Protein backbone atom coordinates (compact mmCIF):
# COMPACT_ATOMS: atom_id res chain seq x y z
CA UNK A 1 0.01 -0.03 0.01
CA UNK A 2 2.91 2.36 0.62
CA UNK A 3 3.78 2.16 -3.04
CA UNK A 4 0.22 2.22 -4.25
CA UNK A 5 -0.63 5.50 -2.40
CA UNK A 6 2.88 7.09 -2.70
CA UNK A 7 1.74 10.43 -4.30
CA UNK A 8 -1.18 10.82 -2.02
CA UNK A 9 1.04 10.40 1.06
CA UNK A 10 3.62 12.72 -0.36
CA UNK A 11 1.07 15.49 -0.78
CA UNK A 12 -0.31 14.94 2.72
CA UNK A 13 3.18 15.24 4.12
CA UNK A 14 3.78 18.39 2.01
CA UNK A 15 0.86 20.11 3.66
CA UNK A 16 2.73 19.80 6.91
CA UNK A 17 6.27 20.48 5.79
CA UNK A 18 5.16 23.58 3.79
CA UNK A 19 3.07 24.70 6.80
CA UNK A 20 -0.24 24.66 5.01
CA UNK A 21 -1.52 22.94 8.10
CA UNK A 22 0.17 22.55 11.52
CA UNK A 23 -0.24 18.76 11.47
CA UNK A 24 -2.34 15.96 9.98
CA UNK A 25 -3.64 12.65 11.12
CA UNK A 26 -4.73 10.36 8.24
CA UNK A 27 -5.71 6.88 7.42
CA UNK A 28 -6.07 5.18 3.98
CA UNK A 29 -7.57 1.61 4.01
CA UNK A 30 -8.19 -1.09 1.46
CA UNK A 31 -10.37 -3.58 3.31
CA UNK A 32 -8.28 -4.83 6.38
CA UNK A 33 -5.06 -3.18 5.19
CA UNK A 34 -4.45 0.36 6.54
CA UNK A 35 -1.91 3.13 6.11
CA UNK A 36 -2.02 5.35 9.11
CA UNK A 37 0.10 8.37 10.04
CA UNK A 38 0.13 11.25 12.57
CA UNK A 39 2.66 14.07 11.91
CA UNK A 40 3.29 17.76 12.70
CA UNK A 41 2.09 20.05 15.45
CA UNK A 42 -1.16 20.30 17.29
CA UNK A 43 -0.59 23.95 18.24
CA UNK A 44 1.93 26.46 16.93
CA UNK A 45 0.88 29.55 18.88
CA UNK A 46 0.71 30.75 21.67
CA UNK A 47 2.50 27.44 22.58
CA UNK A 48 4.24 24.91 20.37
CA UNK A 49 2.64 21.54 21.10
CA UNK A 50 3.44 18.35 19.00
CA UNK A 51 0.51 16.43 17.62
CA UNK A 52 -0.21 13.30 19.59
CA UNK A 53 -1.85 10.19 18.32
CA UNK A 54 -5.40 9.88 19.70
CA UNK A 55 -6.09 13.61 19.91
CA UNK A 56 -9.63 14.80 19.18
CA UNK A 57 -10.46 17.05 16.23
CA UNK A 58 -13.33 19.39 15.75
CA UNK A 59 -15.00 17.67 12.76
CA UNK A 60 -17.00 20.73 11.70
CA UNK A 61 -19.40 19.68 8.94
CA UNK A 62 -18.45 15.98 9.16
CA UNK A 63 -20.90 16.28 12.09
CA UNK A 64 -23.65 16.24 9.38
CA UNK A 65 -22.75 12.83 7.97
CA UNK A 66 -21.19 11.11 11.03
CA UNK A 67 -23.81 12.24 13.52
CA UNK A 68 -27.03 13.64 12.08
CA UNK A 69 -27.49 11.56 8.86
CA UNK A 70 -27.51 8.18 10.71
CA UNK A 71 -30.14 9.53 13.13
CA UNK A 72 -32.34 10.74 10.27
CA UNK A 73 -31.72 7.40 8.48
CA UNK A 74 -32.97 5.60 11.58
CA UNK A 75 -36.16 7.62 11.53
CA UNK A 76 -36.72 7.00 7.82
CA UNK A 77 -36.03 3.28 8.37
CA UNK A 78 -38.64 3.16 11.15
CA UNK A 79 -41.18 4.78 8.90
CA UNK A 80 -41.84 7.71 11.31
CA UNK A 81 -40.20 10.14 8.87
CA UNK A 82 -40.31 10.17 5.10
CA UNK A 83 -38.05 12.05 2.68
CA UNK A 84 -41.07 13.60 0.95
CA UNK A 85 -42.77 14.75 4.16
CA UNK A 86 -43.32 18.53 4.28
CA UNK A 87 -40.90 20.19 6.76
CA UNK A 88 -43.87 22.02 8.21
CA UNK A 89 -45.30 18.78 9.48
CA UNK A 90 -42.50 18.87 12.16
CA UNK A 91 -41.48 22.53 12.12
CA UNK A 92 -44.71 24.51 11.69
CA UNK A 93 -42.71 27.76 12.12
CA UNK A 94 -41.45 27.26 8.53
CA UNK A 95 -43.66 29.48 6.35
CA UNK A 96 -43.51 27.26 3.25
CA UNK A 97 -45.66 24.22 2.52
CA UNK A 98 -43.58 23.03 -0.46
CA UNK A 99 -40.27 22.40 1.17
CA UNK A 100 -39.63 18.73 2.02
CA UNK A 101 -37.22 16.71 4.22
CA UNK A 102 -35.63 15.62 0.96
CA UNK A 103 -34.72 19.20 0.13
CA UNK A 104 -32.98 19.62 3.48
CA UNK A 105 -30.87 16.57 3.30
CA UNK A 106 -29.76 17.20 -0.30
CA UNK A 107 -29.10 20.95 0.06
CA UNK A 108 -31.84 21.78 -2.51
CA UNK A 109 -34.08 23.82 -0.12
CA UNK A 110 -32.90 27.27 -1.32
CA UNK A 111 -32.70 28.57 2.22
CA UNK A 112 -31.97 32.32 2.36
CA UNK A 113 -32.34 35.20 4.67
CA UNK A 114 -30.59 37.45 7.11
CA UNK A 115 -30.64 37.43 10.94
CA UNK A 116 -29.10 40.63 12.42
CA UNK A 117 -26.27 40.01 14.78
CA UNK A 118 -26.75 36.25 14.39
CA UNK A 119 -23.56 35.28 16.09
CA UNK A 120 -24.30 37.39 19.17
CA UNK A 121 -27.73 35.96 19.94
CA UNK A 122 -28.50 33.51 22.81
CA UNK A 123 -29.55 30.00 21.77
CA UNK A 124 -33.36 30.54 22.10
CA UNK A 125 -33.27 33.72 19.98
CA UNK A 126 -31.05 32.22 17.36
CA UNK A 127 -33.25 29.17 17.06
CA UNK A 128 -36.35 31.32 16.72
CA UNK A 129 -34.57 33.43 14.08
CA UNK A 130 -33.47 30.43 12.12
CA UNK A 131 -37.02 29.04 12.00
CA UNK A 132 -38.88 32.36 11.44
CA UNK A 133 -36.51 34.78 9.67
CA UNK A 134 -34.86 32.44 7.17
CA UNK A 135 -36.90 31.89 3.99
CA UNK A 136 -37.27 29.22 1.34
CA UNK A 137 -36.25 30.98 -1.91
CA UNK A 138 -37.62 30.70 -5.41
CA UNK A 139 -34.95 28.11 -6.40
CA UNK A 140 -36.51 25.46 -4.16
CA UNK A 141 -35.78 22.10 -5.75
CA UNK A 142 -34.01 23.69 -8.69
CA UNK A 143 -30.37 23.59 -7.79
CA UNK A 144 -27.94 22.61 -4.95
CA UNK A 145 -26.90 25.38 -2.55
CA UNK A 146 -24.89 23.99 0.41
CA UNK A 147 -26.05 25.33 3.77
CA UNK A 148 -25.71 24.44 7.43
CA UNK A 149 -29.25 25.58 8.22
CA UNK A 150 -30.91 22.66 6.47
CA UNK A 151 -29.06 20.30 8.82
CA UNK A 152 -29.99 22.43 11.79
CA UNK A 153 -33.55 21.94 10.71
CA UNK A 154 -33.06 18.20 10.37
CA UNK A 155 -31.64 18.05 13.90
CA UNK A 156 -34.68 19.90 15.22
CA UNK A 157 -36.98 17.56 13.36
CA UNK A 158 -35.36 14.56 14.95
CA UNK A 159 -35.60 16.33 18.33
CA UNK A 160 -39.35 16.97 17.93
CA UNK A 161 -39.97 13.41 16.84
CA UNK A 162 -37.87 11.67 19.49
CA UNK A 163 -38.05 14.22 22.32
CA UNK A 164 -34.27 14.39 22.72
CA UNK A 165 -31.75 16.74 21.16
CA UNK A 166 -29.94 15.64 17.98
CA UNK A 167 -26.58 15.53 19.80
CA UNK A 168 -27.95 13.19 22.53
CA UNK A 169 -29.61 11.06 19.90
CA UNK A 170 -26.46 10.52 17.86
CA UNK A 171 -24.47 9.69 20.96
CA UNK A 172 -26.94 7.19 22.28
CA UNK A 173 -28.08 5.56 19.03
CA UNK A 174 -24.96 5.68 16.90
CA UNK A 175 -21.65 6.31 18.75
CA UNK A 176 -22.25 4.19 21.92
CA UNK A 177 -23.49 1.14 20.02
CA UNK A 178 -20.51 1.37 17.64
CA UNK A 179 -18.05 1.67 20.51
CA UNK A 180 -16.93 5.17 19.41
CA UNK A 181 -15.83 6.09 22.96
CA UNK A 182 -13.73 9.03 21.89
CA UNK A 183 -16.46 10.67 19.78
CA UNK A 184 -18.31 13.35 21.66
CA UNK A 185 -19.81 16.86 21.58
CA UNK A 186 -18.36 17.66 24.98
CA UNK A 187 -14.62 16.81 24.96
CA UNK A 188 -12.00 17.80 27.47
CA UNK A 189 -9.96 20.62 26.07
CA UNK A 190 -6.61 18.99 26.87
CA UNK A 191 -7.48 16.08 24.53
CA UNK A 192 -8.32 18.35 21.62
CA UNK A 193 -6.38 19.87 18.73
CA UNK A 194 -6.94 23.65 18.88
CA UNK A 195 -8.52 25.57 16.03
CA UNK A 196 -8.67 29.29 15.38
CA UNK A 197 -7.44 32.22 17.51
CA UNK A 198 -10.22 34.75 17.48
CA UNK A 199 -10.51 38.25 18.99
CA UNK A 200 -13.60 37.47 20.95
CA UNK A 201 -13.00 33.81 21.99
CA UNK A 202 -9.21 33.68 22.09
CA UNK A 203 -7.65 30.28 21.28
CA UNK A 204 -10.50 27.85 20.59
CA UNK A 205 -9.72 24.43 21.99
CA UNK A 206 -12.26 21.92 23.04
CA UNK A 207 -15.28 23.89 22.04
CA UNK A 208 -16.85 23.96 18.62
CA UNK A 209 -15.41 26.47 16.14
CA UNK A 210 -18.56 26.97 14.18
CA UNK A 211 -20.40 30.07 15.52
CA UNK A 212 -23.95 28.60 15.14
CA UNK A 213 -22.84 25.39 16.77
CA UNK A 214 -21.19 27.34 19.64
CA UNK A 215 -24.45 29.08 20.37
CA UNK A 216 -26.87 26.25 19.78
CA UNK A 217 -24.78 23.55 21.46
CA UNK A 218 -26.85 20.29 21.88
CA UNK A 219 -29.56 21.58 19.37
CA UNK A 220 -27.11 21.79 16.51
CA UNK A 221 -27.07 19.08 13.88
CA UNK A 222 -24.61 20.74 11.50
CA UNK A 223 -21.43 21.01 13.61
CA UNK A 224 -20.11 20.34 17.07
CA UNK A 225 -18.79 16.81 16.96
CA UNK A 226 -15.24 15.90 18.08
CA UNK A 227 -13.58 12.58 17.25
CA UNK A 228 -10.31 10.79 16.63
CA UNK A 229 -8.68 9.01 13.73
CA UNK A 230 -9.27 5.56 15.27
CA UNK A 231 -12.97 6.19 15.95
CA UNK A 232 -13.56 7.41 12.43
CA UNK A 233 -11.81 4.28 11.12
CA UNK A 234 -14.24 2.28 13.25
CA UNK A 235 -17.19 4.23 11.89
CA UNK A 236 -16.03 4.05 8.27
CA UNK A 237 -15.48 0.26 8.30
CA UNK A 238 -18.89 -0.24 10.01
CA UNK A 239 -20.67 1.89 7.50
CA UNK A 240 -19.04 0.09 4.52
CA UNK A 241 -19.02 -3.44 5.79
CA UNK A 242 -21.79 -4.03 8.35
CA UNK A 243 -24.40 -1.33 7.85
CA UNK A 244 -23.15 0.36 10.96
CA UNK A 245 -23.09 -2.89 12.84
CA UNK A 246 -26.68 -3.60 11.90
CA UNK A 247 -28.08 -0.28 13.17
CA UNK A 248 -29.20 0.42 9.56
CA UNK A 249 -30.30 -1.92 6.82
CA UNK A 250 -28.62 -2.45 3.50
CA UNK A 251 -31.39 -0.53 1.79
CA UNK A 252 -31.02 2.48 4.09
CA UNK A 253 -27.31 2.65 3.64
CA UNK A 254 -27.79 2.53 -0.11
CA UNK A 255 -29.64 5.84 0.10
CA UNK A 256 -26.35 7.43 1.01
CA UNK A 257 -24.68 6.12 -2.23
CA UNK A 258 -27.40 7.11 -4.69
CA UNK A 259 -28.73 10.47 -5.80
CA UNK A 260 -31.63 11.59 -3.63
CA UNK A 261 -32.21 15.07 -5.08
CA UNK A 262 -35.56 16.05 -6.54
CA UNK A 263 -33.71 17.37 -9.55
CA UNK A 264 -33.94 15.82 -13.02
CA UNK A 265 -30.85 13.65 -13.71
CA UNK A 266 -27.96 12.74 -11.45
CA UNK A 267 -26.82 15.61 -9.28
CA UNK A 268 -24.42 13.83 -6.93
CA UNK A 269 -26.11 14.32 -3.64
CA UNK A 270 -27.04 11.21 -1.65
CA UNK A 271 -28.58 11.07 1.79
CA UNK A 272 -26.45 13.84 3.19
CA UNK A 273 -23.26 12.86 1.32
CA UNK A 274 -21.71 14.28 -1.78
CA UNK A 275 -21.23 11.67 -4.48
CA UNK A 276 -18.02 11.21 -6.35
CA UNK A 277 -17.22 8.57 -8.97
CA UNK A 278 -14.56 5.96 -8.80
CA UNK A 279 -11.93 5.98 -11.53
CA UNK A 280 -13.07 2.60 -12.75
CA UNK A 281 -14.81 1.30 -15.79
CA UNK A 282 -18.21 1.28 -14.05
CA UNK A 283 -17.64 4.71 -12.46
CA UNK A 284 -19.47 3.55 -9.29
CA UNK A 285 -20.34 6.11 -6.68
CA UNK A 286 -18.10 7.01 -3.78
CA UNK A 287 -19.38 9.14 -0.91
CA UNK A 288 -17.49 12.12 0.40
CA UNK A 289 -17.71 15.07 2.82
CA UNK A 290 -15.50 17.90 4.07
CA UNK A 291 -15.38 20.01 7.21
CA UNK A 292 -14.40 23.69 7.37
CA UNK A 293 -11.77 23.07 10.15
CA UNK A 294 -9.66 20.87 7.79
CA UNK A 295 -11.28 17.42 7.79
CA UNK A 296 -12.59 15.08 5.08
CA UNK A 297 -13.81 11.59 4.39
CA UNK A 298 -13.98 9.56 1.23
CA UNK A 299 -15.64 6.08 1.37
CA UNK A 300 -16.12 3.46 -1.34
CA UNK A 301 -18.60 0.79 -0.38
CA UNK A 302 -18.20 -1.34 -3.44
CA UNK A 303 -14.36 -1.64 -3.12
CA UNK A 304 -14.26 -1.38 0.71
CA UNK A 305 -11.79 1.49 0.61
CA UNK A 306 -11.60 4.79 2.33
CA UNK A 307 -9.58 7.88 3.23
CA UNK A 308 -9.88 9.86 6.50
CA UNK A 309 -7.96 13.11 6.82
CA UNK A 310 -7.95 15.28 9.98
CA UNK A 311 -6.12 18.57 10.23
CA UNK A 312 -6.58 21.94 12.02
CA UNK A 313 -6.23 24.08 8.90
CA UNK A 314 -7.87 27.06 10.72
CA UNK A 315 -5.10 27.27 13.35
CA UNK A 316 -4.04 29.91 14.03
CA UNK A 317 -6.12 31.60 11.25
CA UNK A 318 -8.93 30.56 9.01
CA UNK A 319 -7.46 32.57 6.19
CA UNK A 320 -5.89 29.63 4.41
CA UNK A 321 -6.74 29.20 0.72
CA UNK A 322 -3.61 27.10 0.13
CA UNK A 323 -5.28 24.29 2.03
CA UNK A 324 -8.24 24.26 -0.33
CA UNK A 325 -5.94 23.82 -3.30
CA UNK A 326 -4.06 20.92 -1.57
CA UNK A 327 -7.34 19.30 -0.49
CA UNK A 328 -8.67 19.17 -4.07
CA UNK A 329 -5.43 17.81 -5.41
CA UNK A 330 -5.06 15.15 -2.69
CA UNK A 331 -8.67 13.91 -3.15
CA UNK A 332 -8.22 13.64 -6.89
CA UNK A 333 -4.85 11.93 -6.44
CA UNK A 334 -6.31 9.41 -4.01
CA UNK A 335 -9.25 8.59 -6.32
CA UNK A 336 -6.78 8.02 -9.12
CA UNK A 337 -4.37 5.87 -7.05
CA UNK A 338 -6.97 3.74 -5.16
CA UNK A 339 -8.14 1.82 -8.22
CA UNK A 340 -4.79 1.30 -9.91
């Protein structure tokens, strides 16, 4: 495997040596064979702290697919929620009868609007603003516009159906059964890789970087999850090989790997995941997702392959376009190398 993924590993190492990211923890697996490496620094300022194996990362938007999507999938599987249910059935505050659960989970809901001083509001006022001041725009069901708010709505739908917050639901029904003991929304700061240094919050370490997630806390289905490389390896293998250890059915998992948008044609959005295509003759679908803090996952169910990359690219500053260029190149290189 070292030889097979030589260029991918070279580029991952370059991100650290060229200081595009302070450090990186990554794993590449083909079935039971795994390449795994931890390198670089956890923190570069105000202290210089080496990256340790087993440290927890702020997953940012990987929260959507690791935490929230499986909970929504459980509700779909149980028949208490349907993709084509109107959102108003569960969130009557939404002033639009046409928007459906399917729109939220495929980012086709055309959510738009402005909440003054959004990042300064207490949780109850922010929740009320998200439900009443955001609007469903004229492009509903016409194109894909990625947004966190749709997944906040999904988390609230799960909360109103189940009577528990989305973060409690994912912990109890997904992470605990899978034995993901280092995956949590409430980590100890000393176990965490720090993210950005901000004027208002100082060095962010052990609390969610995302401003909406920071305010909403347990009510947030779009961000807030912390995890480790080993736990994400456990999750990835379970999703690809055992339908999350039997938590979900084969049919439910398949929803993640096939287009679920209401648009005509294939628009490469499964149940929460973005769909890529393997560089093979059949061009079968591969699921992927990224997180703002410097994280990403690529998973291939058909070939039982995957790539997990965790970095803190927003430390000490989120102004880091070089990372985006590297991420695109590394993902493309991995897709090319994995099926050679």
